[in-house]
Every structure is written in structure tokens, then in C-alpha cells.
Protein backbone atom coordinates (compact mmCIF):
# COMPACT_ATOMS: atom_id res chain seq x y z
CA MET A 1 76.84 122.71 103.38
CA SER A 2 80.11 124.44 104.30
CA ALA A 3 82.06 126.51 101.80
CA PRO A 4 85.47 125.44 100.44
CA ARG A 5 88.35 126.33 102.68
CA LEU A 6 90.75 126.34 99.73
CA GLU A 7 89.78 126.95 96.13
CA ILE A 8 92.09 127.29 93.15
CA ARG A 9 90.72 128.22 89.75
CA ASN A 10 92.44 127.74 86.40
CA LEU A 11 95.92 128.05 87.88
CA SER A 12 98.82 128.11 85.42
CA LYS A 13 102.59 128.60 85.51
CA LEU A 14 105.17 128.86 82.75
CA PHE A 15 108.91 128.26 82.96
CA ALA A 16 110.95 129.18 79.89
CA GLY A 17 107.77 129.33 77.84
CA ARG A 18 106.65 125.84 78.88
CA LYS A 19 103.48 125.33 80.92
CA VAL A 20 104.43 123.34 84.01
CA VAL A 21 101.01 123.94 85.59
CA ASP A 22 98.18 124.08 83.09
CA ASP A 23 94.64 125.20 84.01
CA VAL A 24 94.53 123.44 87.40
CA SER A 25 91.34 123.81 89.45
CA LEU A 26 90.36 122.12 92.72
CA THR A 27 88.66 122.74 96.06
CA VAL A 28 89.44 121.48 99.56
CA MET A 29 86.80 121.57 102.31
CA PRO A 30 87.49 122.15 106.04
CA GLY A 31 88.88 118.97 107.61
CA GLN A 32 89.40 117.36 104.19
CA VAL A 33 92.64 115.85 102.93
CA THR A 34 93.24 116.15 99.19
CA CYS A 35 96.32 114.57 97.63
CA LEU A 36 98.00 115.98 94.56
CA LEU A 37 99.41 112.74 93.18
CA GLY A 38 101.67 112.25 90.19
CA PRO A 39 105.18 111.49 88.97
CA SER A 40 108.13 113.79 89.59
CA GLY A 41 108.06 116.88 87.40
CA CYS A 42 104.31 116.89 86.78
CA GLY A 43 103.71 120.25 88.49
CA LYS A 44 102.60 119.17 91.98
CA SER A 45 105.15 121.10 94.02
CA THR A 46 104.91 124.16 91.78
CA THR A 47 101.15 124.22 92.43
CA LEU A 48 101.82 124.03 96.16
CA ARG A 49 104.35 126.87 96.04
CA MET A 50 101.89 129.11 94.20
CA ILE A 51 99.22 128.48 96.83
CA ALA A 52 101.77 129.23 99.56
CA GLY A 53 102.74 132.48 97.86
CA VAL A 54 106.39 131.67 97.25
CA GLU A 55 105.84 131.32 93.49
CA ALA A 56 103.81 133.74 91.37
CA PRO A 57 101.23 132.20 89.00
CA ASP A 58 100.90 133.32 85.40
CA GLY A 59 97.15 132.86 85.43
CA GLY A 60 94.21 131.86 87.60
CA SER A 61 93.17 132.69 91.14
CA ILE A 62 93.52 131.28 94.68
CA LEU A 63 90.92 131.73 97.42
CA VAL A 64 91.04 130.88 101.13
CA ASP A 65 87.65 130.82 102.87
CA GLY A 66 86.21 132.72 99.92
CA GLN A 67 88.80 135.51 100.11
CA VAL A 68 90.98 136.04 97.06
CA VAL A 69 94.63 135.76 98.09
CA CYS A 70 95.97 135.79 94.54
CA ASP A 71 94.62 136.71 91.13
CA ALA A 72 95.49 139.02 88.23
CA ARG A 73 94.79 142.12 90.34
CA GLN A 74 96.23 141.32 93.77
CA THR A 75 98.62 138.99 95.55
CA LEU A 76 98.79 138.65 99.32
CA PRO A 77 102.20 137.88 100.83
CA PRO A 78 102.65 134.36 102.28
CA GLU A 79 102.30 135.51 105.89
CA ASP A 80 98.83 136.96 105.21
CA ARG A 81 97.31 133.85 103.60
CA ALA A 82 96.53 131.76 106.73
CA VAL A 83 98.41 128.90 105.07
CA GLY A 84 100.76 126.52 106.88
CA LEU A 85 103.63 124.61 105.30
CA MET A 86 105.23 121.25 106.06
CA PHE A 87 108.15 119.89 104.07
CA GLN A 88 110.16 116.69 104.14
CA ASP A 89 113.22 118.29 105.78
CA PHE A 90 111.17 119.55 108.80
CA ALA A 91 113.17 122.86 108.78
CA LEU A 92 113.43 123.04 112.57
CA PHE A 93 115.76 125.60 114.15
CA PRO A 94 118.65 123.62 115.68
CA HIS A 95 119.50 126.30 118.27
CA LEU A 96 115.97 126.38 119.68
CA THR A 97 114.31 123.87 121.98
CA VAL A 98 111.17 121.96 121.01
CA ARG A 99 109.05 124.46 122.92
CA GLN A 100 110.81 127.44 121.34
CA ASN A 101 110.44 125.97 117.85
CA VAL A 102 106.70 125.58 118.27
CA ALA A 103 106.33 129.07 119.75
CA PHE A 104 108.43 130.71 117.04
CA GLY A 105 106.47 133.35 115.14
CA LEU A 106 103.45 133.33 117.45
CA SER A 107 102.24 136.70 118.66
CA GLY A 108 100.08 137.77 121.59
CA ALA A 109 100.22 137.46 125.33
CA LYS A 110 102.97 135.22 126.66
CA SER A 111 100.52 133.20 128.73
CA ALA A 112 98.29 132.54 125.71
CA ILE A 113 101.30 131.47 123.64
CA ALA A 114 102.48 129.16 126.44
CA ASP A 115 99.02 127.60 126.72
CA ARG A 116 98.82 127.04 122.96
CA VAL A 117 102.30 125.47 122.84
CA ASP A 118 101.59 123.21 125.83
CA ALA A 119 98.30 122.03 124.30
CA LEU A 120 99.92 121.24 120.95
CA LEU A 121 102.87 119.41 122.49
CA ARG A 122 100.46 117.23 124.45
CA LYS A 123 98.42 116.62 121.31
CA VAL A 124 101.46 115.37 119.36
CA GLY A 125 102.95 113.50 122.34
CA MET A 126 106.02 115.72 122.71
CA ASP A 127 105.29 117.46 126.02
CA ARG A 128 107.91 115.38 127.88
CA LEU A 129 110.63 116.38 125.42
CA SER A 130 109.82 120.09 125.26
CA ASP A 131 113.26 121.21 126.50
CA ARG A 132 115.29 119.14 124.04
CA HIS A 133 116.85 120.41 120.83
CA PRO A 134 116.01 118.95 117.39
CA GLN A 135 119.33 117.13 117.06
CA GLU A 136 118.47 115.17 120.21
CA LEU A 137 115.26 113.82 118.64
CA SER A 138 114.50 110.92 116.31
CA GLY A 139 113.07 111.51 112.84
CA GLY A 140 109.56 110.71 114.03
CA GLU A 141 109.88 113.08 116.98
CA GLN A 142 111.13 115.85 114.71
CA GLN A 143 108.13 115.25 112.46
CA ARG A 144 105.79 115.73 115.41
CA VAL A 145 107.49 118.98 116.39
CA ALA A 146 107.30 120.24 112.80
CA LEU A 147 103.57 119.45 112.78
CA ALA A 148 102.98 121.27 116.06
CA ARG A 149 104.89 124.31 114.82
CA ALA A 150 103.01 124.35 111.52
CA ILE A 151 99.57 124.31 113.14
CA ALA A 152 100.44 126.61 116.06
CA PRO A 153 99.28 129.78 114.20
CA LYS A 154 95.95 127.99 113.42
CA PRO A 155 96.28 128.01 109.62
CA ARG A 156 93.10 127.42 107.70
CA VAL A 157 95.01 125.51 105.03
CA MET A 158 97.96 123.14 105.48
CA LEU A 159 100.23 122.44 102.51
CA MET A 160 102.39 119.33 102.81
CA ASP A 161 105.12 118.51 100.29
CA GLU A 162 106.29 114.87 100.64
CA PRO A 163 106.43 115.37 104.43
CA PHE A 164 106.89 111.70 105.34
CA SER A 165 109.44 110.61 102.76
CA GLY A 166 112.36 110.83 105.22
CA LEU A 167 110.82 108.36 107.67
CA ASP A 168 111.31 104.59 107.64
CA ASP A 169 108.36 102.50 106.48
CA ARG A 170 107.22 101.17 109.86
CA LEU A 171 107.29 104.59 111.50
CA ARG A 172 105.75 106.36 108.51
CA ASP A 173 102.29 104.80 108.78
CA ASP A 174 101.92 105.71 112.46
CA ILE A 175 103.12 109.29 111.95
CA ARG A 176 100.85 109.77 108.93
CA ASP A 177 97.80 108.60 110.87
CA GLU A 178 98.66 110.73 113.90
CA THR A 179 99.24 113.78 111.70
CA LEU A 180 95.86 113.42 109.99
CA ASP A 181 94.08 113.01 113.31
CA VAL A 182 95.59 116.27 114.57
CA LEU A 183 94.86 118.22 111.38
CA LYS A 184 91.28 116.97 111.11
CA GLY A 185 90.76 117.81 114.78
CA GLU A 186 91.83 121.37 114.02
CA GLY A 187 89.41 121.57 111.06
CA THR A 188 92.32 122.33 108.73
CA ALA A 189 92.02 121.82 104.98
CA VAL A 190 95.02 119.74 103.88
CA LEU A 191 96.62 119.64 100.44
CA LEU A 192 99.27 116.94 100.36
CA VAL A 193 101.75 116.42 97.53
CA THR A 194 103.06 112.89 97.00
CA HIS A 195 104.33 110.67 94.21
CA GLU A 196 103.42 107.49 96.12
CA PRO A 197 100.01 106.00 95.20
CA GLY A 198 99.88 103.97 98.42
CA GLU A 199 100.30 107.09 100.53
CA ALA A 200 97.55 108.90 98.62
CA LEU A 201 95.16 105.95 98.93
CA ARG A 202 95.83 105.68 102.66
CA MET A 203 95.59 109.36 103.53
CA ALA A 204 93.30 111.13 101.09
CA ASP A 205 89.62 111.89 101.16
CA GLU A 206 90.09 112.94 97.54
CA ILE A 207 92.89 112.43 95.01
CA ALA A 208 93.78 114.75 92.16
CA LEU A 209 95.95 112.81 89.71
CA MET A 210 98.36 115.08 87.83
CA ARG A 211 100.23 114.49 84.60
CA ASP A 212 102.19 117.00 82.49
CA GLY A 213 100.91 119.94 84.51
CA ARG A 214 97.22 119.05 84.34
CA ILE A 215 94.77 117.23 86.60
CA VAL A 216 93.69 114.25 84.51
CA GLN A 217 91.35 112.67 87.06
CA GLN A 218 89.91 113.67 90.41
CA GLY A 219 87.74 111.86 92.94
CA ALA A 220 87.58 109.59 95.97
CA PRO A 221 90.43 107.04 96.25
CA TYR A 222 88.09 104.09 95.59
CA ASN A 223 86.75 105.67 92.39
CA ILE A 224 90.16 106.75 91.12
CA TYR A 225 91.56 103.25 91.63
CA ASN A 226 88.59 101.31 90.25
CA THR A 227 87.56 103.57 87.36
CA PRO A 228 90.84 104.90 85.90
CA VAL A 229 90.41 107.44 83.14
CA ASP A 230 93.07 105.85 80.91
CA ILE A 231 95.73 103.16 80.83
CA GLN A 232 98.38 105.50 82.32
CA ALA A 233 96.14 106.21 85.30
CA ALA A 234 95.58 102.49 85.87
CA ALA A 235 99.31 101.76 85.64
CA PHE A 236 100.22 104.54 88.07
CA PHE A 237 98.50 102.75 90.97
CA SER A 238 99.73 99.20 90.40
CA ASP A 239 101.24 96.71 88.01
CA ILE A 240 98.86 95.90 85.18
CA ASN A 241 98.38 93.24 82.55
CA VAL A 242 97.56 94.48 79.06
CA ILE A 243 95.70 92.25 76.60
CA SER A 244 95.68 93.68 73.09
CA GLY A 245 92.85 93.23 70.62
CA THR A 246 90.86 94.73 67.76
CA VAL A 247 87.15 95.53 67.85
CA HIS A 248 84.79 93.83 65.42
CA GLY A 249 81.07 94.28 65.93
CA ALA A 250 81.62 95.80 69.41
CA LEU A 251 83.52 92.62 70.43
CA THR A 252 87.21 91.92 70.96
CA ASP A 253 88.78 88.46 70.85
CA THR A 254 91.08 87.62 73.79
CA PRO A 255 92.59 84.47 75.35
CA PHE A 256 89.61 84.57 77.73
CA GLY A 257 86.88 84.79 75.12
CA GLN A 258 85.19 87.83 73.62
CA PHE A 259 84.95 91.15 75.43
CA LEU A 260 82.42 93.88 74.84
CA ALA A 261 83.75 97.23 73.66
CA PRO A 262 80.58 99.33 73.45
CA GLY A 263 80.83 102.56 71.52
CA VAL A 264 84.21 101.68 69.99
CA ALA A 265 84.33 101.75 66.20
CA ASP A 266 85.07 98.59 64.24
CA GLY A 267 88.74 98.15 63.43
CA THR A 268 89.89 100.08 66.52
CA ASP A 269 92.82 98.58 68.40
CA VAL A 270 92.13 98.39 72.14
CA ASP A 271 93.99 97.51 75.31
CA ILE A 272 92.16 95.45 77.93
CA VAL A 273 93.74 96.12 81.31
CA ILE A 274 93.52 93.88 84.37
CA ARG A 275 95.54 94.05 87.56
CA PRO A 276 97.55 90.96 88.64
CA GLN A 277 95.41 90.42 91.75
CA HIS A 278 92.34 90.01 89.54
CA LEU A 279 93.89 87.29 87.37
CA LYS A 280 92.88 84.02 89.03
CA ILE A 281 94.24 80.50 88.72
CA ASP A 282 91.46 78.02 87.89
CA PHE A 283 92.23 75.12 90.21
CA ASP A 284 88.67 73.73 90.04
CA ARG A 285 87.62 73.59 86.41
CA GLN A 286 91.10 73.42 84.86
CA GLY A 287 89.91 74.30 81.40
CA ARG A 288 86.65 72.37 81.30
CA GLY A 289 84.93 75.33 79.66
CA PRO A 290 83.22 78.53 80.74
CA ASN A 291 80.30 78.79 83.10
CA PRO A 292 77.65 80.65 81.08
CA THR A 293 76.14 82.22 84.21
CA SER A 294 79.49 83.56 85.45
CA ILE A 295 81.07 86.96 84.88
CA GLU A 296 84.34 85.10 84.43
CA GLY A 297 85.62 84.64 80.92
CA THR A 298 86.66 81.39 79.28
CA PRO A 299 89.59 79.74 81.12
CA ALA A 300 92.85 80.10 79.20
CA ARG A 301 96.01 78.03 79.58
CA GLY A 302 99.40 79.51 80.36
CA VAL A 303 102.80 78.07 81.23
CA VAL A 304 104.65 79.32 84.33
CA GLN A 305 107.76 81.32 83.46
CA ARG A 306 108.76 82.36 86.99
CA ALA A 307 107.29 82.72 90.47
CA ARG A 308 108.41 85.05 93.23
CA PHE A 309 107.43 85.23 96.89
CA MET A 310 106.52 88.83 97.82
CA GLY A 311 105.67 88.41 101.52
CA ALA A 312 101.89 88.63 101.77
CA SER A 313 101.50 87.20 98.26
CA SER A 314 103.29 85.50 95.39
CA LEU A 315 103.69 86.86 91.86
CA VAL A 316 103.51 84.25 89.09
CA GLU A 317 104.28 85.04 85.44
CA PHE A 318 102.71 83.02 82.63
CA GLN A 319 103.25 82.73 78.90
CA MET A 320 99.84 82.31 77.33
CA ASP A 321 99.23 79.51 74.80
CA TYR A 322 96.79 81.74 72.90
CA ASP A 323 99.28 84.30 71.59
CA GLY A 324 102.55 83.92 73.52
CA SER A 325 101.88 87.05 75.59
CA THR A 326 103.02 87.33 79.22
CA LEU A 327 100.52 87.83 82.05
CA LYS A 328 101.14 88.14 85.79
CA ALA A 329 98.94 86.78 88.57
CA GLN A 330 99.21 87.88 92.20
CA VAL A 331 98.30 84.96 94.44
CA PRO A 332 97.66 85.30 98.22
CA SER A 333 100.21 83.65 100.52
CA VAL A 334 102.83 81.20 99.20
CA PHE A 335 102.36 79.74 95.73
CA LEU A 336 105.57 78.95 93.84
CA PRO A 337 104.91 76.54 90.95
CA LYS A 338 107.95 75.41 88.99
CA PRO A 339 108.74 77.01 85.61
CA GLY A 340 107.16 75.02 82.82
CA THR A 341 104.04 74.10 84.85
CA PRO A 342 100.86 74.51 82.77
CA LEU A 343 97.93 76.12 84.60
CA TRP A 344 94.54 77.49 83.60
CA LEU A 345 93.71 81.13 84.29
CA MET A 346 90.51 83.14 84.61
CA ILE A 347 89.71 86.83 84.76
CA ARG A 348 86.84 88.83 86.15
CA ARG A 349 85.24 90.79 83.32
CA ASP A 350 83.99 93.39 85.80
CA ARG A 351 87.58 94.03 86.92
CA CYS A 352 88.83 94.80 83.43
CA PHE A 353 89.19 98.21 81.77
CA VAL A 354 88.96 98.64 78.00
CA PHE A 355 90.80 101.60 76.46
CA PRO A 356 91.25 102.53 72.78
CA ARG A 357 94.96 102.32 72.02
CA ARG A 358 96.75 105.61 71.54
CA GLY A 359 99.40 106.22 68.93
């Protein structure tokens, strides 16, 4: 098994006595994309700057291919870390052509530099525009040039800070996919900072979810999404419904029958979380009672409050007869019942998360 290309251990940073990065550790393997995901101000970009060498950590160590580039005893300058950087503003030199931008900073024989630049421009589909200047290019074309320039020195690690946020939605998906193909082909370890869950789910081999300077959960996108560590982690990836209850004998009463809460002490208030796409409308049974062999709970009646068409789906809000609470169901395609329409709802027990309530 190959060794980590990037490894950070117990990294910390203080500003004005406040820890903005707190004991962060992670590894990135060659050809792997890891996303640092979290809300603005959680410490993502500060972590990236410390790895790049433009910000000094107050604790911890950083290793690239097993070599310490920063710890309590030594700190290598940014240019000696074999780390590339890509930012959302592209930072291309306006007075240089595409070819000159990509070649900037490369050393060695002129012929070798020219060959490297030509190969990269072909790889990112910019070889026909090599003599143009950045201001003559579209945003997507500038992104491709910035990528070629960043990987031209063959960095072992690529750090990307919201690099696609300036692109329109339709272009963004194509550029993201093309960028990952190029980086994986180069065997580069990629650490991408983003605040967009959809981007992290689409791009990452692994996600590190940050909050208040700490990594609160780390793993493959599927696991992060489907086994959130707490209610905040669940809510960060999508809208959620929260059903409140209290545990008695390891069971919690809900509009959909009793739910197991194993290991939770009696009298504990809990939140049962389910995403809108997992709340189903019971068109078949319409409240005729639960199926004892099903993982679905007891059907519960709600009254439509509003319905909105979202494009690929519709979002319908219900007020539940059981306790007056509001729940949302995401229904594929077009489904726009009138306000006041009573309907029966079901949930999948295996799609619910039970968390002890905090505070």
C-alpha cells in the first residue's frame, strides 16, 4: 500500500487567542481528492494556507511524501514544499499569453519547458488558444489555464480554495470533472476547500467535515451523508425534518409509531431526523394501518400547507394531525396538491437518525 502524499498531524492556529484551527489531522493519498467541507469561518482556508506555507501554525506538523515540511523545529518556505495552489480568482498574469502563463516559474532547458507546456495545454484543451491573453478568454478557459499553470511544476500536492465558485452552474460541472481527470492522471494528491456539500459529494473520494476549527467527521461521501455524526452534520448536507420525542423504555413515541432508541437513558429528549426525500406519501394504504412486516412506520395523516415545484421534484409541506408539527416531503416530478388536502405519510425507519437533544 502506498504512503500518504500529504499528512497533517494535530495542526492548530490561534488568532487573537482564539483557536481557529484546533487539532486537525488528516491524510491524502496520491491521486486522491479530499474535500475540507464546512461553513464560512470554520477554519478551512486557514488550514490550506498553513499547508501551503503562507501561514505559520501554532502547533502540529505537516508532511509531504513522508518529509516534514513544517513542525516545531523547522519550516520550509512555500517554494520548497512541492505544493501547488489554485484559487477562485485564477491569478493569471494579464500581460502574459496563455503559453507564457503556464511556463512562468518553470526552470530547465527551454526545449523541455516548451514540451511540458505544449503537453499540458493539449491536456486541458487550450493548445489552440496558446497565444491569447487572459482577458481574451472566458471564465472556463481561464480556469483551464490556471490548472495547467498550477500543475506545470509537477506538484505532489494540489491545494484548491473554492476554485470553481466564479463559474456558472452549467460550466462548473464540466470544468470540475475535467480538472479532476487531469489531477488524477498526474497522480497528484488534492485537498479541496469548499462550503458547498454538492460539490464535495461530486468531487471527493473523502470528505472531512469541519466545524468551529475541528474536523467533526471524516469518511467517504456515501458514509458521511448516510451516517451523520450529529444533527448539524445531517442538516449541512440537505434540508431535514426533525421529529421530537422522549425516550421511555428505549422507545420514543412519534406520529409514525414508536421508534427504538437503544442505549439512550429513559427521560432523554431526542430528535429523530429524516430527509424530505425519505418522507413518502401513502397513496395505496391511505391510513389503513401498518404492515407488520415492513420497515415503514405507521402511516400518519397530515394536511397540505403549501406545495412548490422545484424542477426535478416538488416540495410539499404538511401540518401533522398528531402534534401540529410541520414536515416536508420531496416528491419526484410534478405533484402540487392544493392547501388543505389531507394525505397520509410514511417514513422509512432505516432512513432515520436518532440523536439525543443538546441544550
